[in-house]
Amino acid sequence: MQHKEFVILFENNMVVLDWLAGRLKTDLSSDIGYPRQHLRTLMRLHLGGKALLKDIAKRDDISPSNLCLILKRLEKDGLVLRQIDDADRRNTWYSLTPAGTKTARRAVDELRALIAELFSNMNKNDEARLTDALRTMNEVLNKIKSSY
């Protein structure tokens, strides 16, 4: 297969990125007052915008019933708005309130600080190379995503 090196590199990067994500999940504190999964849901809504419950559950690989419990607490705390879809009442949209946006920004800032700390020992040359590689990867993957 012509793409064999690509497939192996992609697989290896998935393993490393999973390890990094695991470190970040472990290190993301609850100084903000919510468990990691709650913060993750807030951050996803902040970064991705309004979304359907079923899409959030699928994207975050969480059962709809567990996600529903998380969203109910976040709604009760005034961080999330819940809106039934008028076109299809089986669907429920979720978005952030201003307080939810503020909390999500705090969580994103904390996550960014953790990422910076995780890579703080990297030399400038490696940082520049990795930044270029990630920029390229992001551009290509977004092209692929938009074609589906």
C-alpha atoms as a PDB file:
ATOM      1  CA  MET A   1       0.000   0.000   0.000  1.00  0.00           C
ATOM      2  CA  GLN A   2       1.368   3.371  -1.032  1.00  0.00           C
ATOM      3  CA  HIS A   3       0.111   5.069   2.126  1.00  0.00           C
ATOM      4  CA  LYS A   4       1.640   2.557   4.542  1.00  0.00           C
ATOM      5  CA  GLU A   5       4.030   5.057   6.186  1.00  0.00           C
ATOM      6  CA  PHE A   6       1.190   7.577   6.555  1.00  0.00           C
ATOM      7  CA  VAL A   7      -1.056   4.992   8.229  1.00  0.00           C
ATOM      8  CA  ILE A   8       1.687   3.891  10.641  1.00  0.00           C
ATOM      9  CA  LEU A   9       2.604   7.494  11.524  1.00  0.00           C
ATOM     10  CA  PHE A  10      -1.049   8.376  12.035  1.00  0.00           C
ATOM     11  CA  GLU A  11      -1.522   5.336  14.272  1.00  0.00           C
ATOM     12  CA  ASN A  12       1.585   6.219  16.301  1.00  0.00           C
ATOM     13  CA  ASN A  13       0.408   9.812  16.676  1.00  0.00           C
ATOM     14  CA  MET A  14      -3.000   8.616  17.874  1.00  0.00           C
ATOM     15  CA  VAL A  15      -1.301   6.636  20.635  1.00  0.00           C
ATOM     16  CA  VAL A  16       0.831   9.609  21.703  1.00  0.00           C
ATOM     17  CA  LEU A  17      -2.097  12.035  21.491  1.00  0.00           C
ATOM     18  CA  ASP A  18      -4.224   9.651  23.570  1.00  0.00           C
ATOM     19  CA  TRP A  19      -1.462   9.587  26.176  1.00  0.00           C
ATOM     20  CA  LEU A  20      -1.261  13.396  26.172  1.00  0.00           C
ATOM     21  CA  ALA A  21      -5.054  13.695  26.401  1.00  0.00           C
ATOM     22  CA  GLY A  22      -5.026  11.267  29.315  1.00  0.00           C
ATOM     23  CA  ARG A  23      -2.443  13.413  31.121  1.00  0.00           C
ATOM     24  CA  LEU A  24      -4.514  16.520  30.535  1.00  0.00           C
ATOM     25  CA  LYS A  25      -7.702  14.807  31.732  1.00  0.00           C
ATOM     26  CA  THR A  26      -5.955  13.686  34.892  1.00  0.00           C
ATOM     27  CA  ASP A  27      -4.409  17.094  35.541  1.00  0.00           C
ATOM     28  CA  LEU A  28      -7.523  19.181  34.806  1.00  0.00           C
ATOM     29  CA  SER A  29      -8.515  20.122  38.309  1.00  0.00           C
ATOM     30  CA  SER A  30     -11.904  20.836  39.732  1.00  0.00           C
ATOM     31  CA  ASP A  31     -10.797  24.256  41.077  1.00  0.00           C
ATOM     32  CA  ILE A  32     -13.684  25.555  39.021  1.00  0.00           C
ATOM     33  CA  GLY A  33     -16.084  23.443  41.054  1.00  0.00           C
ATOM     34  CA  TYR A  34     -17.156  20.814  38.541  1.00  0.00           C
ATOM     35  CA  PRO A  35     -15.953  17.316  37.644  1.00  0.00           C
ATOM     36  CA  ARG A  36     -13.828  16.947  34.490  1.00  0.00           C
ATOM     37  CA  GLN A  37     -16.696  15.604  32.375  1.00  0.00           C
ATOM     38  CA  HIS A  38     -18.842  18.624  33.237  1.00  0.00           C
ATOM     39  CA  LEU A  39     -15.987  20.960  32.323  1.00  0.00           C
ATOM     40  CA  ARG A  40     -15.358  19.030  29.137  1.00  0.00           C
ATOM     41  CA  THR A  41     -19.012  19.410  28.142  1.00  0.00           C
ATOM     42  CA  LEU A  42     -18.888  23.147  28.859  1.00  0.00           C
ATOM     43  CA  MET A  43     -15.671  23.550  26.862  1.00  0.00           C
ATOM     44  CA  ARG A  44     -17.082  21.621  23.905  1.00  0.00           C
ATOM     45  CA  LEU A  45     -20.196  23.797  23.848  1.00  0.00           C
ATOM     46  CA  HIS A  46     -18.026  26.901  24.149  1.00  0.00           C
ATOM     47  CA  LEU A  47     -15.686  25.907  21.337  1.00  0.00           C
ATOM     48  CA  GLY A  48     -18.266  24.201  19.101  1.00  0.00           C
ATOM     49  CA  GLY A  49     -21.409  26.219  19.763  1.00  0.00           C
ATOM     50  CA  LYS A  50     -25.008  25.125  20.138  1.00  0.00           C
ATOM     51  CA  ALA A  51     -25.460  21.367  19.735  1.00  0.00           C
ATOM     52  CA  LEU A  52     -27.969  18.564  19.962  1.00  0.00           C
ATOM     53  CA  LEU A  53     -27.774  16.213  22.935  1.00  0.00           C
ATOM     54  CA  LYS A  54     -27.309  13.191  20.666  1.00  0.00           C
ATOM     55  CA  ASP A  55     -24.436  14.887  18.813  1.00  0.00           C
ATOM     56  CA  ILE A  56     -22.663  15.868  22.039  1.00  0.00           C
ATOM     57  CA  ALA A  57     -23.050  12.312  23.357  1.00  0.00           C
ATOM     58  CA  LYS A  58     -21.679  10.809  20.153  1.00  0.00           C
ATOM     59  CA  ARG A  59     -18.767  13.264  19.924  1.00  0.00           C
ATOM     60  CA  ASP A  60     -17.756  12.817  23.579  1.00  0.00           C
ATOM     61  CA  ASP A  61     -18.442   9.067  23.629  1.00  0.00           C
ATOM     62  CA  ILE A  62     -20.780   9.322  26.594  1.00  0.00           C
ATOM     63  CA  SER A  63     -24.173   7.703  26.981  1.00  0.00           C
ATOM     64  CA  PRO A  64     -27.095  10.072  26.380  1.00  0.00           C
ATOM     65  CA  SER A  65     -28.492   9.257  29.834  1.00  0.00           C
ATOM     66  CA  ASN A  66     -25.213  10.205  31.575  1.00  0.00           C
ATOM     67  CA  LEU A  67     -24.884  13.321  29.443  1.00  0.00           C
ATOM     68  CA  CYS A  68     -28.476  14.243  30.296  1.00  0.00           C
ATOM     69  CA  LEU A  69     -27.603  14.151  34.011  1.00  0.00           C
ATOM     70  CA  ILE A  70     -24.577  16.378  33.429  1.00  0.00           C
ATOM     71  CA  LEU A  71     -26.562  18.844  31.337  1.00  0.00           C
ATOM     72  CA  LYS A  72     -29.389  18.943  33.891  1.00  0.00           C
ATOM     73  CA  ARG A  73     -26.933  19.946  36.617  1.00  0.00           C
ATOM     74  CA  LEU A  74     -25.296  22.557  34.388  1.00  0.00           C
ATOM     75  CA  GLU A  75     -28.739  23.895  33.451  1.00  0.00           C
ATOM     76  CA  LYS A  76     -29.795  23.985  37.116  1.00  0.00           C
ATOM     77  CA  ASP A  77     -26.622  25.941  37.914  1.00  0.00           C
ATOM     78  CA  GLY A  78     -27.432  28.463  35.171  1.00  0.00           C
ATOM     79  CA  LEU A  79     -24.574  27.508  32.864  1.00  0.00           C
ATOM     80  CA  VAL A  80     -26.489  25.799  30.053  1.00  0.00           C
ATOM     81  CA  LEU A  81     -29.663  26.633  28.140  1.00  0.00           C
ATOM     82  CA  ARG A  82     -31.906  23.795  27.024  1.00  0.00           C
ATOM     83  CA  GLN A  83     -34.177  24.343  24.028  1.00  0.00           C
ATOM     84  CA  ILE A  84     -36.567  21.888  22.381  1.00  0.00           C
ATOM     85  CA  ASP A  85     -36.284  21.908  18.601  1.00  0.00           C
ATOM     86  CA  ASP A  86     -39.550  23.330  17.220  1.00  0.00           C
ATOM     87  CA  ALA A  87     -39.091  21.460  13.940  1.00  0.00           C
ATOM     88  CA  ASP A  88     -38.558  18.097  15.646  1.00  0.00           C
ATOM     89  CA  ARG A  89     -39.603  17.978  19.286  1.00  0.00           C
ATOM     90  CA  ARG A  90     -37.573  14.806  19.828  1.00  0.00           C
ATOM     91  CA  ASN A  91     -34.405  16.901  19.555  1.00  0.00           C
ATOM     92  CA  THR A  92     -33.026  19.096  22.313  1.00  0.00           C
ATOM     93  CA  TRP A  93     -30.479  21.842  21.685  1.00  0.00           C
ATOM     94  CA  TYR A  94     -27.971  22.939  24.309  1.00  0.00           C
ATOM     95  CA  SER A  95     -25.979  26.156  24.448  1.00  0.00           C
ATOM     96  CA  LEU A  96     -24.129  28.181  27.053  1.00  0.00           C
ATOM     97  CA  THR A  97     -25.478  31.043  29.102  1.00  0.00           C
ATOM     98  CA  PRO A  98     -23.157  34.012  29.745  1.00  0.00           C
ATOM     99  CA  ALA A  99     -22.219  32.378  33.076  1.00  0.00           C
ATOM    100  CA  GLY A 100     -21.552  29.110  31.230  1.00  0.00           C
ATOM    101  CA  THR A 101     -19.322  30.926  28.752  1.00  0.00           C
ATOM    102  CA  LYS A 102     -17.383  32.500  31.630  1.00  0.00           C
ATOM    103  CA  THR A 103     -16.919  29.109  33.318  1.00  0.00           C
ATOM    104  CA  ALA A 104     -15.958  27.438  30.021  1.00  0.00           C
ATOM    105  CA  ARG A 105     -13.369  30.164  29.364  1.00  0.00           C
ATOM    106  CA  ARG A 106     -11.829  29.496  32.784  1.00  0.00           C
ATOM    107  CA  ALA A 107     -11.665  25.773  31.986  1.00  0.00           C
ATOM    108  CA  VAL A 108     -10.141  26.428  28.544  1.00  0.00           C
ATOM    109  CA  ASP A 109      -7.568  28.766  30.108  1.00  0.00           C
ATOM    110  CA  GLU A 110      -6.697  26.072  32.646  1.00  0.00           C
ATOM    111  CA  LEU A 111      -6.395  23.467  29.890  1.00  0.00           C
ATOM    112  CA  ARG A 112      -4.151  25.773  27.827  1.00  0.00           C
ATOM    113  CA  ALA A 113      -1.943  26.361  30.869  1.00  0.00           C
ATOM    114  CA  LEU A 114      -1.669  22.580  31.361  1.00  0.00           C
ATOM    115  CA  ILE A 115      -0.708  22.118  27.702  1.00  0.00           C
ATOM    116  CA  ALA A 116       1.915  24.881  27.992  1.00  0.00           C
ATOM    117  CA  GLU A 117       3.298  23.252  31.148  1.00  0.00           C
ATOM    118  CA  LEU A 118       3.368  19.808  29.524  1.00  0.00           C
ATOM    119  CA  PHE A 119       5.514  21.181  26.688  1.00  0.00           C
ATOM    120  CA  SER A 120       7.512  23.697  28.736  1.00  0.00           C
ATOM    121  CA  ASN A 121      10.792  21.784  28.389  1.00  0.00           C
ATOM    122  CA  MET A 122      10.623  21.685  24.597  1.00  0.00           C
ATOM    123  CA  ASN A 123      13.350  23.667  22.843  1.00  0.00           C
ATOM    124  CA  LYS A 124      12.467  26.535  20.463  1.00  0.00           C
ATOM    125  CA  ASN A 125      13.432  24.588  17.337  1.00  0.00           C
ATOM    126  CA  ASP A 126      11.221  21.614  18.251  1.00  0.00           C
ATOM    127  CA  GLU A 127       8.399  23.988  19.195  1.00  0.00           C
ATOM    128  CA  ALA A 128       8.575  25.689  15.791  1.00  0.00           C
ATOM    129  CA  ARG A 129       8.682  22.342  13.963  1.00  0.00           C
ATOM    130  CA  LEU A 130       5.772  20.927  15.973  1.00  0.00           C
ATOM    131  CA  THR A 131       3.748  24.132  15.519  1.00  0.00           C
ATOM    132  CA  ASP A 132       4.225  23.950  11.731  1.00  0.00           C
ATOM    133  CA  ALA A 133       3.319  20.258  11.686  1.00  0.00           C
ATOM    134  CA  LEU A 134       0.195  20.810  13.806  1.00  0.00           C
ATOM    135  CA  ARG A 135      -0.875  23.766  11.639  1.00  0.00           C
ATOM    136  CA  THR A 136      -0.540  21.615   8.514  1.00  0.00           C
ATOM    137  CA  MET A 137      -2.318  18.693  10.159  1.00  0.00           C
ATOM    138  CA  ASN A 138      -5.162  20.962  11.271  1.00  0.00           C
ATOM    139  CA  GLU A 139      -5.612  22.420   7.778  1.00  0.00           C
ATOM    140  CA  VAL A 140      -5.619  19.021   6.081  1.00  0.00           C
ATOM    141  CA  LEU A 141      -7.926  17.387   8.635  1.00  0.00           C
ATOM    142  CA  ASN A 142     -10.402  20.269   8.390  1.00  0.00           C
ATOM    143  CA  LYS A 143     -10.466  19.830   4.594  1.00  0.00           C
ATOM    144  CA  ILE A 144     -11.206  16.139   5.062  1.00  0.00           C
ATOM    145  CA  LYS A 145     -13.871  16.928   7.675  1.00  0.00           C
ATOM    146  CA  SER A 146     -15.610  19.448   5.430  1.00  0.00           C
ATOM    147  CA  SER A 147     -15.776  16.929   2.580  1.00  0.00           C
ATOM    148  CA  TYR A 148     -17.960  14.557   4.632  1.00  0.00           C
END
